All heavy atoms as atom14 arrays in JSON, in Angstrom:
{
  "sequence": "SLRSGKVYQGYVKSVGDAFLHLEKIAGKDFYDA",
  "atom14_mask": [
    [1, 1, 1, 1, 1, 1, 0, 0, 0, 0, 0, 0, 0, 0],
    [1, 1, 1, 1, 1, 1, 1, 1, 0, 0, 0, 0, 0, 0],
    [1, 1, 1, 1, 1, 1, 1, 1, 1, 1, 1, 0, 0, 0],
    [1, 1, 1, 1, 1, 1, 0, 0, 0, 0, 0, 0, 0, 0],
    [1, 1, 1, 1, 0, 0, 0, 0, 0, 0, 0, 0, 0, 0],
    [1, 1, 1, 1, 1, 1, 1, 1, 1, 0, 0, 0, 0, 0],
    [1, 1, 1, 1, 1, 1, 1, 0, 0, 0, 0, 0, 0, 0],
    [1, 1, 1, 1, 1, 1, 1, 1, 1, 1, 1, 1, 0, 0],
    [1, 1, 1, 1, 1, 1, 1, 1, 1, 0, 0, 0, 0, 0],
    [1, 1, 1, 1, 0, 0, 0, 0, 0, 0, 0, 0, 0, 0],
    [1, 1, 1, 1, 1, 1, 1, 1, 1, 1, 1, 1, 0, 0],
    [1, 1, 1, 1, 1, 1, 1, 0, 0, 0, 0, 0, 0, 0],
    [1, 1, 1, 1, 1, 1, 1, 1, 1, 0, 0, 0, 0, 0],
    [1, 1, 1, 1, 1, 1, 0, 0, 0, 0, 0, 0, 0, 0],
    [1, 1, 1, 1, 1, 1, 1, 0, 0, 0, 0, 0, 0, 0],
    [1, 1, 1, 1, 0, 0, 0, 0, 0, 0, 0, 0, 0, 0],
    [1, 1, 1, 1, 1, 1, 1, 1, 0, 0, 0, 0, 0, 0],
    [1, 1, 1, 1, 1, 0, 0, 0, 0, 0, 0, 0, 0, 0],
    [1, 1, 1, 1, 1, 1, 1, 1, 1, 1, 1, 0, 0, 0],
    [1, 1, 1, 1, 1, 1, 1, 1, 0, 0, 0, 0, 0, 0],
    [1, 1, 1, 1, 1, 1, 1, 1, 1, 1, 0, 0, 0, 0],
    [1, 1, 1, 1, 1, 1, 1, 1, 0, 0, 0, 0, 0, 0],
    [1, 1, 1, 1, 1, 1, 1, 1, 1, 0, 0, 0, 0, 0],
    [1, 1, 1, 1, 1, 1, 1, 1, 1, 0, 0, 0, 0, 0],
    [1, 1, 1, 1, 1, 1, 1, 1, 0, 0, 0, 0, 0, 0],
    [1, 1, 1, 1, 1, 0, 0, 0, 0, 0, 0, 0, 0, 0],
    [1, 1, 1, 1, 0, 0, 0, 0, 0, 0, 0, 0, 0, 0],
    [1, 1, 1, 1, 1, 1, 1, 1, 1, 0, 0, 0, 0, 0],
    [1, 1, 1, 1, 1, 1, 1, 1, 0, 0, 0, 0, 0, 0],
    [1, 1, 1, 1, 1, 1, 1, 1, 1, 1, 1, 0, 0, 0],
    [1, 1, 1, 1, 1, 1, 1, 1, 1, 1, 1, 1, 0, 0],
    [1, 1, 1, 1, 1, 1, 1, 1, 0, 0, 0, 0, 0, 0],
    [1, 1, 1, 1, 1, 0, 0, 0, 0, 0, 0, 0, 0, 0]
  ],
  "atom14_positions": [
    [[114.49, 37.54, 213.23], [113.82, 38.77, 213.66], [112.44, 38.81, 213.04], [112.28, 38.62, 211.83], [114.61, 40.0, 213.21], [115.9, 39.98, 213.75], [0.0, 0.0, 0.0], [0.0, 0.0, 0.0], [0.0, 0.0, 0.0], [0.0, 0.0, 0.0], [0.0, 0.0, 0.0], [0.0, 0.0, 0.0], [0.0, 0.0, 0.0], [0.0, 0.0, 0.0]],
    [[111.44, 39.1, 213.87], [110.07, 39.18, 213.4], [109.67, 40.63, 213.16], [110.32, 41.55, 213.65], [109.12, 38.54, 214.42], [109.44, 37.1, 214.82], [108.4, 36.59, 215.8], [109.5, 36.2, 213.6], [0.0, 0.0, 0.0], [0.0, 0.0, 0.0], [0.0, 0.0, 0.0], [0.0, 0.0, 0.0], [0.0, 0.0, 0.0], [0.0, 0.0, 0.0]],
    [[108.59, 40.83, 212.43], [108.09, 42.19, 212.18], [107.77, 42.92, 213.47], [107.88, 44.14, 213.54], [106.84, 42.14, 211.31], [107.14, 41.92, 209.85], [105.89, 42.16, 209.06], [105.49, 40.89, 208.48], [104.37, 40.68, 207.85], [103.48, 41.63, 207.75], [104.1, 39.51, 207.34], [0.0, 0.0, 0.0], [0.0, 0.0, 0.0], [0.0, 0.0, 0.0]],
    [[107.36, 42.18, 214.48], [107.0, 42.78, 215.78], [108.22, 43.31, 216.54], [108.08, 44.02, 217.52], [106.29, 41.74, 216.64], [107.18, 40.69, 216.98], [0.0, 0.0, 0.0], [0.0, 0.0, 0.0], [0.0, 0.0, 0.0], [0.0, 0.0, 0.0], [0.0, 0.0, 0.0], [0.0, 0.0, 0.0], [0.0, 0.0, 0.0], [0.0, 0.0, 0.0]],
    [[109.43, 42.93, 216.09], [110.65, 43.33, 216.77], [111.23, 42.24, 217.65], [112.36, 42.34, 218.12], [0.0, 0.0, 0.0], [0.0, 0.0, 0.0], [0.0, 0.0, 0.0], [0.0, 0.0, 0.0], [0.0, 0.0, 0.0], [0.0, 0.0, 0.0], [0.0, 0.0, 0.0], [0.0, 0.0, 0.0], [0.0, 0.0, 0.0], [0.0, 0.0, 0.0]],
    [[110.47, 41.2, 217.9], [110.92, 40.07, 218.71], [112.0, 39.31, 217.94], [111.9, 39.13, 216.73], [109.74, 39.15, 219.02], [110.06, 37.92, 219.79], [110.16, 38.18, 221.25], [110.33, 36.84, 221.97], [110.85, 36.99, 223.28], [0.0, 0.0, 0.0], [0.0, 0.0, 0.0], [0.0, 0.0, 0.0], [0.0, 0.0, 0.0], [0.0, 0.0, 0.0]],
    [[113.04, 38.86, 218.65], [114.13, 38.1, 218.03], [114.23, 36.75, 218.73], [114.25, 36.67, 219.95], [115.48, 38.84, 218.13], [116.6, 38.0, 217.54], [115.4, 40.18, 217.44], [0.0, 0.0, 0.0], [0.0, 0.0, 0.0], [0.0, 0.0, 0.0], [0.0, 0.0, 0.0], [0.0, 0.0, 0.0], [0.0, 0.0, 0.0], [0.0, 0.0, 0.0]],
    [[114.29, 35.69, 217.94], [114.47, 34.34, 218.46], [115.8, 33.8, 217.99], [116.18, 33.99, 216.83], [113.36, 33.4, 217.95], [112.01, 33.64, 218.56], [111.07, 34.41, 217.91], [111.67, 33.07, 219.78], [109.83, 34.63, 218.46], [110.44, 33.28, 220.34], [109.52, 34.05, 219.67], [108.28, 34.26, 220.23], [0.0, 0.0, 0.0], [0.0, 0.0, 0.0]],
    [[116.49, 33.1, 218.88], [117.71, 32.39, 218.51], [117.47, 30.91, 218.79], [117.02, 30.53, 219.86], [118.91, 32.85, 219.33], [120.17, 32.06, 218.99], [121.32, 32.35, 219.94], [121.18, 33.09, 220.91], [122.46, 31.75, 219.66], [0.0, 0.0, 0.0], [0.0, 0.0, 0.0], [0.0, 0.0, 0.0], [0.0, 0.0, 0.0], [0.0, 0.0, 0.0]],
    [[117.76, 30.09, 217.77], [117.59, 28.66, 217.95], [118.13, 27.91, 216.74], [118.69, 28.5, 215.82], [0.0, 0.0, 0.0], [0.0, 0.0, 0.0], [0.0, 0.0, 0.0], [0.0, 0.0, 0.0], [0.0, 0.0, 0.0], [0.0, 0.0, 0.0], [0.0, 0.0, 0.0], [0.0, 0.0, 0.0], [0.0, 0.0, 0.0], [0.0, 0.0, 0.0]],
    [[117.92, 26.61, 216.75], [118.4, 25.75, 215.68], [117.24, 25.4, 214.74], [116.15, 25.06, 215.2], [118.99, 24.46, 216.26], [120.26, 24.71, 217.02], [120.23, 25.1, 218.36], [121.5, 24.58, 216.41], [121.4, 25.34, 219.06], [122.66, 24.82, 217.1], [122.61, 25.21, 218.42], [123.77, 25.45, 219.1], [0.0, 0.0, 0.0], [0.0, 0.0, 0.0]],
    [[117.48, 25.5, 213.45], [116.45, 25.19, 212.47], [116.21, 23.68, 212.47], [117.1, 22.9, 212.14], [116.85, 25.65, 211.05], [115.82, 25.24, 210.03], [117.08, 27.15, 211.03], [0.0, 0.0, 0.0], [0.0, 0.0, 0.0], [0.0, 0.0, 0.0], [0.0, 0.0, 0.0], [0.0, 0.0, 0.0], [0.0, 0.0, 0.0], [0.0, 0.0, 0.0]],
    [[115.01, 23.3, 212.87], [114.65, 21.89, 212.86], [114.04, 21.52, 211.52], [114.42, 20.54, 210.91], [113.71, 21.56, 214.0], [113.33, 20.1, 214.02], [112.94, 19.62, 215.36], [112.75, 18.11, 215.29], [112.54, 17.56, 216.59], [0.0, 0.0, 0.0], [0.0, 0.0, 0.0], [0.0, 0.0, 0.0], [0.0, 0.0, 0.0], [0.0, 0.0, 0.0]],
    [[113.06, 22.33, 211.07], [112.44, 22.07, 209.77], [111.77, 23.33, 209.27], [111.47, 24.25, 210.03], [111.43, 20.93, 209.87], [110.39, 21.26, 210.76], [0.0, 0.0, 0.0], [0.0, 0.0, 0.0], [0.0, 0.0, 0.0], [0.0, 0.0, 0.0], [0.0, 0.0, 0.0], [0.0, 0.0, 0.0], [0.0, 0.0, 0.0], [0.0, 0.0, 0.0]],
    [[111.54, 23.35, 207.96], [110.88, 24.47, 207.31], [109.77, 23.91, 206.44], [110.0, 23.05, 205.6], [111.87, 25.28, 206.44], [111.18, 26.48, 205.81], [113.07, 25.72, 207.25], [0.0, 0.0, 0.0], [0.0, 0.0, 0.0], [0.0, 0.0, 0.0], [0.0, 0.0, 0.0], [0.0, 0.0, 0.0], [0.0, 0.0, 0.0], [0.0, 0.0, 0.0]],
    [[108.55, 24.42, 206.66], [107.41, 23.99, 205.87], [106.99, 25.08, 204.9], [107.7, 26.06, 204.7], [0.0, 0.0, 0.0], [0.0, 0.0, 0.0], [0.0, 0.0, 0.0], [0.0, 0.0, 0.0], [0.0, 0.0, 0.0], [0.0, 0.0, 0.0], [0.0, 0.0, 0.0], [0.0, 0.0, 0.0], [0.0, 0.0, 0.0], [0.0, 0.0, 0.0]],
    [[105.83, 24.92, 204.31], [105.33, 25.92, 203.37], [105.0, 27.25, 204.05], [105.14, 28.31, 203.45], [104.09, 25.4, 202.64], [104.43, 24.27, 201.68], [105.58, 24.25, 201.18], [103.57, 23.41, 201.45], [0.0, 0.0, 0.0], [0.0, 0.0, 0.0], [0.0, 0.0, 0.0], [0.0, 0.0, 0.0], [0.0, 0.0, 0.0], [0.0, 0.0, 0.0]],
    [[104.54, 27.19, 205.29], [104.12, 28.41, 205.98], [104.83, 28.66, 207.3], [104.73, 29.76, 207.85], [102.61, 28.36, 206.22], [0.0, 0.0, 0.0], [0.0, 0.0, 0.0], [0.0, 0.0, 0.0], [0.0, 0.0, 0.0], [0.0, 0.0, 0.0], [0.0, 0.0, 0.0], [0.0, 0.0, 0.0], [0.0, 0.0, 0.0], [0.0, 0.0, 0.0]],
    [[105.54, 27.65, 207.84], [106.12, 27.78, 209.17], [107.57, 27.33, 209.24], [108.01, 26.47, 208.49], [105.32, 26.95, 210.19], [103.92, 27.44, 210.41], [102.85, 26.84, 209.78], [103.69, 28.5, 211.27], [101.57, 27.29, 209.98], [102.4, 28.96, 211.48], [101.33, 28.36, 210.83], [0.0, 0.0, 0.0], [0.0, 0.0, 0.0], [0.0, 0.0, 0.0]],
    [[108.28, 27.94, 210.2], [109.65, 27.56, 210.54], [109.61, 26.96, 211.95], [109.02, 27.56, 212.86], [110.55, 28.8, 210.54], [111.91, 28.68, 211.24], [112.81, 27.68, 210.52], [112.57, 30.04, 211.34], [0.0, 0.0, 0.0], [0.0, 0.0, 0.0], [0.0, 0.0, 0.0], [0.0, 0.0, 0.0], [0.0, 0.0, 0.0], [0.0, 0.0, 0.0]],
    [[110.22, 25.81, 212.14], [110.31, 25.19, 213.46], [111.73, 25.4, 213.97], [112.68, 24.84, 213.46], [109.99, 23.69, 213.37], [110.05, 23.0, 214.69], [109.84, 21.65, 214.81], [110.29, 23.43, 215.95], [109.96, 21.3, 216.08], [110.23, 22.37, 216.78], [0.0, 0.0, 0.0], [0.0, 0.0, 0.0], [0.0, 0.0, 0.0], [0.0, 0.0, 0.0]],
    [[111.84, 26.26, 215.0], [113.13, 26.49, 215.67], [113.13, 25.69, 216.95], [112.17, 25.73, 217.72], [113.3, 27.97, 216.04], [113.86, 28.93, 215.01], [114.07, 30.29, 215.65], [115.13, 28.45, 214.4], [0.0, 0.0, 0.0], [0.0, 0.0, 0.0], [0.0, 0.0, 0.0], [0.0, 0.0, 0.0], [0.0, 0.0, 0.0], [0.0, 0.0, 0.0]],
    [[114.22, 24.97, 217.2], [114.32, 24.21, 218.44], [115.43, 24.76, 219.31], [116.27, 25.53, 218.85], [114.54, 22.72, 218.16], [115.84, 22.39, 217.47], [116.02, 20.9, 217.23], [115.25, 20.11, 217.77], [116.96, 20.55, 216.51], [0.0, 0.0, 0.0], [0.0, 0.0, 0.0], [0.0, 0.0, 0.0], [0.0, 0.0, 0.0], [0.0, 0.0, 0.0]],
    [[115.41, 24.39, 220.59], [116.42, 24.81, 221.57], [116.53, 26.34, 221.61], [117.6, 26.91, 221.44], [117.78, 24.19, 221.25], [117.77, 22.69, 221.25], [119.1, 22.13, 220.84], [119.02, 20.62, 220.7], [120.24, 20.06, 220.12], [0.0, 0.0, 0.0], [0.0, 0.0, 0.0], [0.0, 0.0, 0.0], [0.0, 0.0, 0.0], [0.0, 0.0, 0.0]],
    [[115.41, 27.0, 221.85], [115.37, 28.46, 221.89], [116.28, 28.98, 223.01], [116.21, 28.5, 224.15], [113.92, 28.94, 222.13], [113.01, 28.46, 220.99], [113.85, 30.46, 222.27], [113.38, 28.96, 219.62], [0.0, 0.0, 0.0], [0.0, 0.0, 0.0], [0.0, 0.0, 0.0], [0.0, 0.0, 0.0], [0.0, 0.0, 0.0], [0.0, 0.0, 0.0]],
    [[117.12, 29.94, 222.67], [118.06, 30.5, 223.64], [117.31, 31.21, 224.75], [116.35, 31.94, 224.51], [118.99, 31.48, 222.94], [0.0, 0.0, 0.0], [0.0, 0.0, 0.0], [0.0, 0.0, 0.0], [0.0, 0.0, 0.0], [0.0, 0.0, 0.0], [0.0, 0.0, 0.0], [0.0, 0.0, 0.0], [0.0, 0.0, 0.0], [0.0, 0.0, 0.0]],
    [[117.74, 30.98, 225.99], [117.15, 31.64, 227.13], [115.91, 30.95, 227.68], [115.36, 31.38, 228.68], [0.0, 0.0, 0.0], [0.0, 0.0, 0.0], [0.0, 0.0, 0.0], [0.0, 0.0, 0.0], [0.0, 0.0, 0.0], [0.0, 0.0, 0.0], [0.0, 0.0, 0.0], [0.0, 0.0, 0.0], [0.0, 0.0, 0.0], [0.0, 0.0, 0.0]],
    [[115.45, 29.9, 226.99], [114.26, 29.17, 227.44], [114.56, 27.68, 227.36], [114.53, 27.11, 226.27], [113.05, 29.49, 226.58], [112.59, 30.92, 226.67], [111.33, 31.11, 225.87], [110.77, 32.49, 226.06], [109.45, 32.63, 225.44], [0.0, 0.0, 0.0], [0.0, 0.0, 0.0], [0.0, 0.0, 0.0], [0.0, 0.0, 0.0], [0.0, 0.0, 0.0]],
    [[114.85, 27.08, 228.48], [115.15, 25.65, 228.48], [113.94, 24.85, 228.01], [112.82, 25.1, 228.42], [115.53, 25.19, 229.89], [116.87, 25.76, 230.33], [117.65, 26.15, 229.45], [117.12, 25.82, 231.55], [0.0, 0.0, 0.0], [0.0, 0.0, 0.0], [0.0, 0.0, 0.0], [0.0, 0.0, 0.0], [0.0, 0.0, 0.0], [0.0, 0.0, 0.0]],
    [[114.19, 23.9, 227.17], [113.19, 22.93, 226.7], [112.09, 23.55, 225.85], [111.01, 23.0, 225.75], [112.57, 22.16, 227.88], [113.59, 21.6, 228.81], [113.75, 22.11, 230.09], [114.43, 20.57, 228.41], [114.7, 21.61, 230.95], [115.38, 20.05, 229.26], [115.52, 20.57, 230.53], [0.0, 0.0, 0.0], [0.0, 0.0, 0.0], [0.0, 0.0, 0.0]],
    [[112.33, 24.71, 225.22], [111.32, 25.35, 224.4], [111.69, 25.31, 222.92], [112.86, 25.41, 222.56], [111.13, 26.82, 224.81], [110.23, 27.0, 226.01], [110.71, 26.77, 227.29], [108.92, 27.4, 225.85], [109.9, 26.94, 228.39], [108.09, 27.57, 226.95], [108.59, 27.34, 228.21], [107.77, 27.51, 229.3], [0.0, 0.0, 0.0], [0.0, 0.0, 0.0]],
    [[110.68, 25.17, 222.09], [110.79, 25.31, 220.64], [109.85, 26.43, 220.22], [109.0, 26.86, 220.99], [110.37, 24.02, 219.93], [111.39, 22.9, 220.07], [112.33, 23.05, 220.86], [111.24, 21.88, 219.38], [0.0, 0.0, 0.0], [0.0, 0.0, 0.0], [0.0, 0.0, 0.0], [0.0, 0.0, 0.0], [0.0, 0.0, 0.0], [0.0, 0.0, 0.0]],
    [[109.99, 26.9, 218.98], [109.1, 27.93, 218.46], [108.63, 27.54, 217.07], [109.4, 27.0, 216.27], [109.8, 29.28, 218.42], [0.0, 0.0, 0.0], [0.0, 0.0, 0.0], [0.0, 0.0, 0.0], [0.0, 0.0, 0.0], [0.0, 0.0, 0.0], [0.0, 0.0, 0.0], [0.0, 0.0, 0.0], [0.0, 0.0, 0.0], [0.0, 0.0, 0.0]]
  ]
}
C-alpha cells in the first residue's frame, strides 16, 4: 500500500536502497512495478 492509497499485489523480485521491484503485478499481464 502506498501513501497515495494505491495498492499493488505482486512478487518481490528485489529490494534496493531506495526501490522495491515487484514482478507479475496482479491484474496487469506482463507488468512489473
